[in-house]
């Protein structure tokens, strides 16, 4: 039980740390790359890491046809999260 608490606190701390650094990383990345390139690279990196996790953990889950419409809507509005675009 105690190890679970340590794991949760460690994961939350790392998430907050990476979230804070992401603003600095974006500022530096915008000096070199166009915003659309950054968004594309973020999505590619996230897809690769998620696929690696799915293969290791064995937690594959299929998308239902009903949810596919919601994913398309989510993909359309993804770029509106970045005000610099």
PDB file of N, CA and C in Angstrom:
ATOM      1  N   UNK A   1       0.828  -1.197   0.000  1.00  0.00           N
ATOM      2  CA  UNK A   1       0.000   0.000   0.000  1.00  0.00           C
ATOM      3  C   UNK A   1       0.868   1.255   0.000  1.00  0.00           C
ATOM      4  N   UNK A   2       1.932   1.237   0.786  1.00  0.00           N
ATOM      5  CA  UNK A   2       2.796   2.407   0.879  1.00  0.00           C
ATOM      6  C   UNK A   2       3.512   2.663  -0.447  1.00  0.00           C
ATOM      7  N   UNK A   3       3.900   1.594  -1.149  1.00  0.00           N
ATOM      8  CA  UNK A   3       4.567   1.746  -2.443  1.00  0.00           C
ATOM      9  C   UNK A   3       3.618   2.369  -3.453  1.00  0.00           C
ATOM     10  N   UNK A   4       2.331   2.015  -3.393  1.00  0.00           N
ATOM     11  CA  UNK A   4       1.351   2.615  -4.297  1.00  0.00           C
ATOM     12  C   UNK A   4       1.258   4.121  -4.100  1.00  0.00           C
ATOM     13  N   UNK A   5       1.279   4.562  -2.851  1.00  0.00           N
ATOM     14  CA  UNK A   5       1.230   5.994  -2.573  1.00  0.00           C
ATOM     15  C   UNK A   5       2.469   6.706  -3.109  1.00  0.00           C
ATOM     16  N   UNK A   6       3.621   6.094  -2.904  1.00  0.00           N
ATOM     17  CA  UNK A   6       4.861   6.696  -3.409  1.00  0.00           C
ATOM     18  C   UNK A   6       4.811   6.796  -4.925  1.00  0.00           C
ATOM     19  N   UNK A   7       4.321   5.749  -5.587  1.00  0.00           N
ATOM     20  CA  UNK A   7       4.227   5.752  -7.048  1.00  0.00           C
ATOM     21  C   UNK A   7       3.284   6.861  -7.533  1.00  0.00           C
ATOM     22  N   UNK A   8       2.166   7.040  -6.868  1.00  0.00           N
ATOM     23  CA  UNK A   8       1.199   8.072  -7.253  1.00  0.00           C
ATOM     24  C   UNK A   8       1.805   9.458  -7.084  1.00  0.00           C
ATOM     25  N   UNK A   9       2.453   9.708  -5.958  1.00  0.00           N
ATOM     26  CA  UNK A   9       3.068  11.018  -5.728  1.00  0.00           C
ATOM     27  C   UNK A   9       4.217  11.287  -6.703  1.00  0.00           C
ATOM     28  N   UNK A  10       4.993  10.258  -7.004  1.00  0.00           N
ATOM     29  CA  UNK A  10       6.084  10.413  -7.966  1.00  0.00           C
ATOM     30  C   UNK A  10       5.540  10.721  -9.359  1.00  0.00           C
ATOM     31  N   UNK A  11       4.514  10.007  -9.767  1.00  0.00           N
ATOM     32  CA  UNK A  11       3.917  10.238 -11.087  1.00  0.00           C
ATOM     33  C   UNK A  11       3.297  11.629 -11.175  1.00  0.00           C
ATOM     34  N   UNK A  12       2.617  12.068 -10.123  1.00  0.00           N
ATOM     35  CA  UNK A  12       2.008  13.408 -10.124  1.00  0.00           C
ATOM     36  C   UNK A  12       3.075  14.488 -10.155  1.00  0.00           C
ATOM     37  N   UNK A  13       4.158  14.290  -9.426  1.00  0.00           N
ATOM     38  CA  UNK A  13       5.244  15.271  -9.430  1.00  0.00           C
ATOM     39  C   UNK A  13       5.909  15.348 -10.797  1.00  0.00           C
ATOM     40  N   UNK A  14       6.162  14.214 -11.407  1.00  0.00           N
ATOM     41  CA  UNK A  14       6.763  14.210 -12.745  1.00  0.00           C
ATOM     42  C   UNK A  14       5.830  14.835 -13.778  1.00  0.00           C
ATOM     43  N   UNK A  15       4.546  14.565 -13.680  1.00  0.00           N
ATOM     44  CA  UNK A  15       3.591  15.165 -14.611  1.00  0.00           C
ATOM     45  C   UNK A  15       3.590  16.689 -14.479  1.00  0.00           C
ATOM     46  N   UNK A  16       3.598  17.189 -13.244  1.00  0.00           N
ATOM     47  CA  UNK A  16       3.627  18.635 -13.028  1.00  0.00           C
ATOM     48  C   UNK A  16       4.937  19.236 -13.529  1.00  0.00           C
ATOM     49  N   UNK A  17       6.033  18.534 -13.328  1.00  0.00           N
ATOM     50  CA  UNK A  17       7.335  19.012 -13.780  1.00  0.00           C
ATOM     51  C   UNK A  17       7.389  19.100 -15.307  1.00  0.00           C
ATOM     52  N   UNK A  18       6.956  18.041 -15.983  1.00  0.00           N
ATOM     53  CA  UNK A  18       6.951  18.063 -17.441  1.00  0.00           C
ATOM     54  C   UNK A  18       5.976  19.100 -17.987  1.00  0.00           C
ATOM     55  N   UNK A  19       4.841  19.259 -17.331  1.00  0.00           N
ATOM     56  CA  UNK A  19       3.874  20.270 -17.756  1.00  0.00           C
ATOM     57  C   UNK A  19       4.492  21.665 -17.655  1.00  0.00           C
ATOM     58  N   UNK A  20       5.196  21.940 -16.590  1.00  0.00           N
ATOM     59  CA  UNK A  20       5.844  23.237 -16.422  1.00  0.00           C
ATOM     60  C   UNK A  20       6.948  23.471 -17.439  1.00  0.00           C
ATOM     61  N   UNK A  21       7.756  22.435 -17.695  1.00  0.00           N
ATOM     62  CA  UNK A  21       8.824  22.574 -18.668  1.00  0.00           C
ATOM     63  C   UNK A  21       8.299  22.692 -20.097  1.00  0.00           C
ATOM     64  N   UNK A  22       7.105  22.192 -20.356  1.00  0.00           N
ATOM     65  CA  UNK A  22       6.583  22.212 -21.726  1.00  0.00           C
ATOM     66  C   UNK A  22       6.438  23.647 -22.252  1.00  0.00           C
ATOM     67  N   UNK A  23       6.157  24.600 -21.388  1.00  0.00           N
ATOM     68  CA  UNK A  23       6.037  25.980 -21.837  1.00  0.00           C
ATOM     69  C   UNK A  23       7.387  26.516 -22.299  1.00  0.00           C
ATOM     70  N   UNK A  24       8.439  26.178 -21.576  1.00  0.00           N
ATOM     71  CA  UNK A  24       9.784  26.592 -21.971  1.00  0.00           C
ATOM     72  C   UNK A  24      10.178  25.884 -23.258  1.00  0.00           C
ATOM     73  N   UNK A  25       9.888  24.580 -23.349  1.00  0.00           N
ATOM     74  CA  UNK A  25      10.236  23.822 -24.545  1.00  0.00           C
ATOM     75  C   UNK A  25       9.507  24.364 -25.772  1.00  0.00           C
ATOM     76  N   UNK A  26       8.232  24.726 -25.614  1.00  0.00           N
ATOM     77  CA  UNK A  26       7.484  25.278 -26.739  1.00  0.00           C
ATOM     78  C   UNK A  26       8.077  26.598 -27.188  1.00  0.00           C
ATOM     79  N   UNK A  27       8.447  27.432 -26.257  1.00  0.00           N
ATOM     80  CA  UNK A  27       9.023  28.737 -26.603  1.00  0.00           C
ATOM     81  C   UNK A  27      10.301  28.543 -27.417  1.00  0.00           C
ATOM     82  N   UNK A  28      11.132  27.603 -27.006  1.00  0.00           N
ATOM     83  CA  UNK A  28      12.368  27.328 -27.735  1.00  0.00           C
ATOM     84  C   UNK A  28      12.080  26.661 -29.089  1.00  0.00           C
ATOM     85  N   UNK A  29      11.118  25.776 -29.120  1.00  0.00           N
ATOM     86  CA  UNK A  29      10.793  25.078 -30.365  1.00  0.00           C
ATOM     87  C   UNK A  29      10.227  26.040 -31.401  1.00  0.00           C
ATOM     88  N   UNK A  30       9.468  27.050 -30.961  1.00  0.00           N
ATOM     89  CA  UNK A  30       8.895  28.014 -31.905  1.00  0.00           C
ATOM     90  C   UNK A  30       9.958  28.878 -32.562  1.00  0.00           C
ATOM     91  N   UNK A  31      11.138  28.954 -31.974  1.00  0.00           N
ATOM     92  CA  UNK A  31      12.228  29.700 -32.599  1.00  0.00           C
ATOM     93  C   UNK A  31      12.794  28.962 -33.802  1.00  0.00           C
ATOM     94  N   UNK A  32      12.649  27.639 -33.814  1.00  0.00           N
ATOM     95  CA  UNK A  32      13.252  26.827 -34.872  1.00  0.00           C
ATOM     96  C   UNK A  32      12.211  26.281 -35.844  1.00  0.00           C
ATOM     97  N   UNK A  33      11.077  25.797 -35.318  1.00  0.00           N
ATOM     98  CA  UNK A  33      10.076  25.119 -36.144  1.00  0.00           C
ATOM     99  C   UNK A  33       8.789  25.931 -36.250  1.00  0.00           C
ATOM    100  N   UNK A  34       8.047  25.656 -37.316  1.00  0.00           N
ATOM    101  CA  UNK A  34       6.720  26.257 -37.447  1.00  0.00           C
ATOM    102  C   UNK A  34       5.764  25.532 -36.512  1.00  0.00           C
ATOM    103  N   UNK A  35       4.693  26.198 -36.074  1.00  0.00           N
ATOM    104  CA  UNK A  35       3.758  25.565 -35.132  1.00  0.00           C
ATOM    105  C   UNK A  35       3.145  24.262 -35.643  1.00  0.00           C
ATOM    106  N   UNK A  36       2.828  24.199 -36.918  1.00  0.00           N
ATOM    107  CA  UNK A  36       2.212  22.980 -37.437  1.00  0.00           C
ATOM    108  C   UNK A  36       3.178  21.803 -37.367  1.00  0.00           C
ATOM    109  N   UNK A  37       4.468  22.066 -37.534  1.00  0.00           N
ATOM    110  CA  UNK A  37       5.481  21.022 -37.419  1.00  0.00           C
ATOM    111  C   UNK A  37       5.566  20.520 -35.984  1.00  0.00           C
ATOM    112  N   UNK A  38       5.481  21.425 -35.029  1.00  0.00           N
ATOM    113  CA  UNK A  38       5.546  21.046 -33.619  1.00  0.00           C
ATOM    114  C   UNK A  38       4.352  20.174 -33.242  1.00  0.00           C
ATOM    115  N   UNK A  39       3.171  20.564 -33.679  1.00  0.00           N
ATOM    116  CA  UNK A  39       1.972  19.778 -33.382  1.00  0.00           C
ATOM    117  C   UNK A  39       2.077  18.386 -34.012  1.00  0.00           C
ATOM    118  N   UNK A  40       2.547  18.335 -35.253  1.00  0.00           N
ATOM    119  CA  UNK A  40       2.714  17.049 -35.925  1.00  0.00           C
ATOM    120  C   UNK A  40       3.697  16.159 -35.170  1.00  0.00           C
ATOM    121  N   UNK A  41       4.839  16.714 -34.782  1.00  0.00           N
ATOM    122  CA  UNK A  41       5.837  15.932 -34.056  1.00  0.00           C
ATOM    123  C   UNK A  41       5.317  15.466 -32.691  1.00  0.00           C
ATOM    124  N   UNK A  42       4.557  16.320 -32.015  1.00  0.00           N
ATOM    125  CA  UNK A  42       3.956  15.922 -30.733  1.00  0.00           C
ATOM    126  C   UNK A  42       3.027  14.728 -30.908  1.00  0.00           C
ATOM    127  N   UNK A  43       2.211  14.770 -31.930  1.00  0.00           N
ATOM    128  CA  UNK A  43       1.273  13.673 -32.164  1.00  0.00           C
ATOM    129  C   UNK A  43       1.991  12.393 -32.564  1.00  0.00           C
ATOM    130  N   UNK A  44       3.054  12.510 -33.350  1.00  0.00           N
ATOM    131  CA  UNK A  44       3.823  11.322 -33.739  1.00  0.00           C
ATOM    132  C   UNK A  44       4.496  10.709 -32.518  1.00  0.00           C
ATOM    133  N   UNK A  45       5.141  11.537 -31.691  1.00  0.00           N
ATOM    134  CA  UNK A  45       5.809  11.028 -30.493  1.00  0.00           C
ATOM    135  C   UNK A  45       4.796  10.391 -29.541  1.00  0.00           C
ATOM    136  N   UNK A  46       3.655  11.035 -29.353  1.00  0.00           N
ATOM    137  CA  UNK A  46       2.627  10.483 -28.472  1.00  0.00           C
ATOM    138  C   UNK A  46       2.107   9.144 -29.002  1.00  0.00           C
ATOM    139  N   UNK A  47       1.921   9.038 -30.305  1.00  0.00           N
ATOM    140  CA  UNK A  47       1.440   7.784 -30.894  1.00  0.00           C
ATOM    141  C   UNK A  47       2.441   6.655 -30.710  1.00  0.00           C
ATOM    142  N   UNK A  48       3.707   6.957 -30.931  1.00  0.00           N
ATOM    143  CA  UNK A  48       4.747   5.930 -30.771  1.00  0.00           C
ATOM    144  C   UNK A  48       4.816   5.468 -29.319  1.00  0.00           C
ATOM    145  N   UNK A  49       4.839   6.412 -28.380  1.00  0.00           N
ATOM    146  CA  UNK A  49       4.917   6.043 -26.962  1.00  0.00           C
ATOM    147  C   UNK A  49       3.679   5.274 -26.504  1.00  0.00           C
ATOM    148  N   UNK A  50       2.512   5.676 -26.984  1.00  0.00           N
ATOM    149  CA  UNK A  50       1.289   4.966 -26.613  1.00  0.00           C
ATOM    150  C   UNK A  50       1.281   3.550 -27.176  1.00  0.00           C
ATOM    151  N   UNK A  51       1.738   3.375 -28.400  1.00  0.00           N
ATOM    152  CA  UNK A  51       1.803   2.027 -28.979  1.00  0.00           C
ATOM    153  C   UNK A  51       2.798   1.142 -28.245  1.00  0.00           C
ATOM    154  N   UNK A  52       3.917   1.712 -27.830  1.00  0.00           N
ATOM    155  CA  UNK A  52       4.886   0.942 -27.051  1.00  0.00           C
ATOM    156  C   UNK A  52       4.263   0.508 -25.727  1.00  0.00           C
ATOM    157  N   UNK A  53       3.574   1.420 -25.065  1.00  0.00           N
ATOM    158  CA  UNK A  53       2.924   1.089 -23.795  1.00  0.00           C
ATOM    159  C   UNK A  53       1.865   0.003 -23.984  1.00  0.00           C
ATOM    160  N   UNK A  54       1.082   0.108 -25.049  1.00  0.00           N
ATOM    161  CA  UNK A  54       0.030  -0.884 -25.301  1.00  0.00           C
ATOM    162  C   UNK A  54       0.642  -2.270 -25.532  1.00  0.00           C
ATOM    163  N   UNK A  55       1.740  -2.318 -26.275  1.00  0.00           N
ATOM    164  CA  UNK A  55       2.392  -3.607 -26.542  1.00  0.00           C
ATOM    165  C   UNK A  55       2.968  -4.207 -25.259  1.00  0.00           C
ATOM    166  N   UNK A  56       3.598  -3.361 -24.429  1.00  0.00           N
ATOM    167  CA  UNK A  56       4.211  -3.866 -23.199  1.00  0.00           C
ATOM    168  C   UNK A  56       3.142  -4.286 -22.188  1.00  0.00           C
ATOM    169  N   UNK A  57       2.130  -3.422 -21.997  1.00  0.00           N
ATOM    170  CA  UNK A  57       1.114  -3.699 -20.980  1.00  0.00           C
ATOM    171  C   UNK A  57       0.056  -4.691 -21.455  1.00  0.00           C
ATOM    172  N   UNK A  58      -0.082  -4.862 -22.754  1.00  0.00           N
ATOM    173  CA  UNK A  58      -1.080  -5.783 -23.273  1.00  0.00           C
ATOM    174  C   UNK A  58      -2.507  -5.311 -23.048  1.00  0.00           C
ATOM    175  N   UNK A  59      -2.714  -4.004 -23.078  1.00  0.00           N
ATOM    176  CA  UNK A  59      -4.040  -3.446 -22.800  1.00  0.00           C
ATOM    177  C   UNK A  59      -4.678  -2.875 -24.074  1.00  0.00           C
ATOM    178  N   UNK A  60      -4.724  -3.665 -25.115  1.00  0.00           N
ATOM    179  CA  UNK A  60      -5.312  -3.207 -26.364  1.00  0.00           C
ATOM    180  C   UNK A  60      -6.830  -3.165 -26.227  1.00  0.00           C
ATOM    181  N   UNK A  61      -7.417  -2.067 -26.710  1.00  0.00           N
ATOM    182  CA  UNK A  61      -8.860  -1.896 -26.645  1.00  0.00           C
ATOM    183  C   UNK A  61      -9.334  -1.346 -27.985  1.00  0.00           C
ATOM    184  N   UNK A  62     -10.330  -1.974 -28.559  1.00  0.00           N
ATOM    185  CA  UNK A  62     -10.839  -1.543 -29.856  1.00  0.00           C
ATOM    186  C   UNK A  62     -11.739  -0.329 -29.716  1.00  0.00           C
ATOM    187  N   UNK A  63     -11.759   0.500 -30.770  1.00  0.00           N
ATOM    188  CA  UNK A  63     -12.628   1.680 -30.805  1.00  0.00           C
ATOM    189  C   UNK A  63     -13.949   1.272 -31.435  1.00  0.00           C
ATOM    190  N   UNK A  64     -15.040   1.606 -30.786  1.00  0.00           N
ATOM    191  CA  UNK A  64     -16.357   1.275 -31.351  1.00  0.00           C
ATOM    192  C   UNK A  64     -16.724   2.285 -32.424  1.00  0.00           C
ATOM    193  N   UNK A  65     -17.621   1.901 -33.285  1.00  0.00           N
ATOM    194  CA  UNK A  65     -18.058   2.766 -34.376  1.00  0.00           C
ATOM    195  C   UNK A  65     -18.716   4.038 -33.836  1.00  0.00           C
ATOM    196  N   UNK A  66     -19.407   3.897 -32.713  1.00  0.00           N
ATOM    197  CA  UNK A  66     -20.071   5.045 -32.093  1.00  0.00           C
ATOM    198  C   UNK A  66     -19.051   6.087 -31.622  1.00  0.00           C
ATOM    199  N   UNK A  67     -17.929   5.623 -31.074  1.00  0.00           N
ATOM    200  CA  UNK A  67     -16.911   6.532 -30.565  1.00  0.00           C
ATOM    201  C   UNK A  67     -16.058   7.155 -31.661  1.00  0.00           C
ATOM    202  N   UNK A  68     -16.052   6.563 -32.833  1.00  0.00           N
ATOM    203  CA  UNK A  68     -15.233   7.065 -33.931  1.00  0.00           C
ATOM    204  C   UNK A  68     -15.614   8.495 -34.308  1.00  0.00           C
ATOM    205  N   UNK A  69     -16.905   8.808 -34.285  1.00  0.00           N
ATOM    206  CA  UNK A  69     -17.361  10.172 -34.601  1.00  0.00           C
ATOM    207  C   UNK A  69     -16.809  11.169 -33.591  1.00  0.00           C
ATOM    208  N   UNK A  70     -16.806  10.798 -32.328  1.00  0.00           N
ATOM    209  CA  UNK A  70     -16.277  11.689 -31.295  1.00  0.00           C
ATOM    210  C   UNK A  70     -14.770  11.897 -31.452  1.00  0.00           C
ATOM    211  N   UNK A  71     -14.051  10.868 -31.840  1.00  0.00           N
ATOM    212  CA  UNK A  71     -12.616  11.010 -32.075  1.00  0.00           C
ATOM    213  C   UNK A  71     -12.338  11.935 -33.259  1.00  0.00           C
ATOM    214  N   UNK A  72     -13.145  11.859 -34.287  1.00  0.00           N
ATOM    215  CA  UNK A  72     -12.984  12.761 -35.436  1.00  0.00           C
ATOM    216  C   UNK A  72     -13.220  14.212 -35.011  1.00  0.00           C
ATOM    217  N   UNK A  73     -14.226  14.432 -34.204  1.00  0.00           N
ATOM    218  CA  UNK A  73     -14.502  15.772 -33.703  1.00  0.00           C
ATOM    219  C   UNK A  73     -13.348  16.267 -32.828  1.00  0.00           C
ATOM    220  N   UNK A  74     -12.826  15.411 -31.996  1.00  0.00           N
ATOM    221  CA  UNK A  74     -11.690  15.754 -31.153  1.00  0.00           C
ATOM    222  C   UNK A  74     -10.469  16.093 -32.002  1.00  0.00           C
ATOM    223  N   UNK A  75     -10.207  15.331 -33.046  1.00  0.00           N
ATOM    224  CA  UNK A  75      -9.063  15.590 -33.926  1.00  0.00           C
ATOM    225  C   UNK A  75      -9.217  16.930 -34.638  1.00  0.00           C
ATOM    226  N   UNK A  76     -10.435  17.296 -34.998  1.00  0.00           N
ATOM    227  CA  UNK A  76     -10.670  18.578 -35.676  1.00  0.00           C
ATOM    228  C   UNK A  76     -10.340  19.753 -34.767  1.00  0.00           C
ATOM    229  N   UNK A  77     -10.707  19.653 -33.494  1.00  0.00           N
ATOM    230  CA  UNK A  77     -10.495  20.758 -32.565  1.00  0.00           C
ATOM    231  C   UNK A  77      -9.131  20.718 -31.872  1.00  0.00           C
ATOM    232  N   UNK A  78      -8.300  19.740 -32.177  1.00  0.00           N
ATOM    233  CA  UNK A  78      -6.979  19.630 -31.542  1.00  0.00           C
ATOM    234  C   UNK A  78      -6.127  20.880 -31.776  1.00  0.00           C
ATOM    235  N   UNK A  79      -6.132  21.409 -32.973  1.00  0.00           N
ATOM    236  CA  UNK A  79      -5.274  22.548 -33.283  1.00  0.00           C
ATOM    237  C   UNK A  79      -5.720  23.832 -32.591  1.00  0.00           C
ATOM    238  N   UNK A  80      -6.955  23.901 -32.126  1.00  0.00           N
ATOM    239  CA  UNK A  80      -7.433  25.106 -31.466  1.00  0.00           C
ATOM    240  C   UNK A  80      -6.928  25.211 -30.028  1.00  0.00           C
ATOM    241  N   UNK A  81      -6.229  24.187 -29.545  1.00  0.00           N
ATOM    242  CA  UNK A  81      -5.626  24.263 -28.215  1.00  0.00           C
ATOM    243  C   UNK A  81      -4.359  25.093 -28.205  1.00  0.00           C
ATOM    244  N   UNK A  82      -3.811  25.377 -29.390  1.00  0.00           N
ATOM    245  CA  UNK A  82      -2.559  26.104 -29.496  1.00  0.00           C
ATOM    246  C   UNK A  82      -2.837  27.506 -30.034  1.00  0.00           C
ATOM    247  N   UNK A  83      -2.850  28.515 -29.170  1.00  0.00           N
ATOM    248  CA  UNK A  83      -3.228  29.866 -29.603  1.00  0.00           C
ATOM    249  C   UNK A  83      -2.232  30.483 -30.589  1.00  0.00           C
ATOM    250  N   UNK A  84      -1.008  29.961 -30.685  1.00  0.00           N
ATOM    251  CA  UNK A  84      -0.009  30.525 -31.580  1.00  0.00           C
ATOM    252  C   UNK A  84      -0.295  30.224 -33.044  1.00  0.00           C
ATOM    253  N   UNK A  85      -1.155  29.236 -33.315  1.00  0.00           N
ATOM    254  CA  UNK A  85      -1.440  28.870 -34.695  1.00  0.00           C
ATOM    255  C   UNK A  85      -2.191  29.957 -35.320  1.00  0.00           C
TER     256      UNK A  85
END
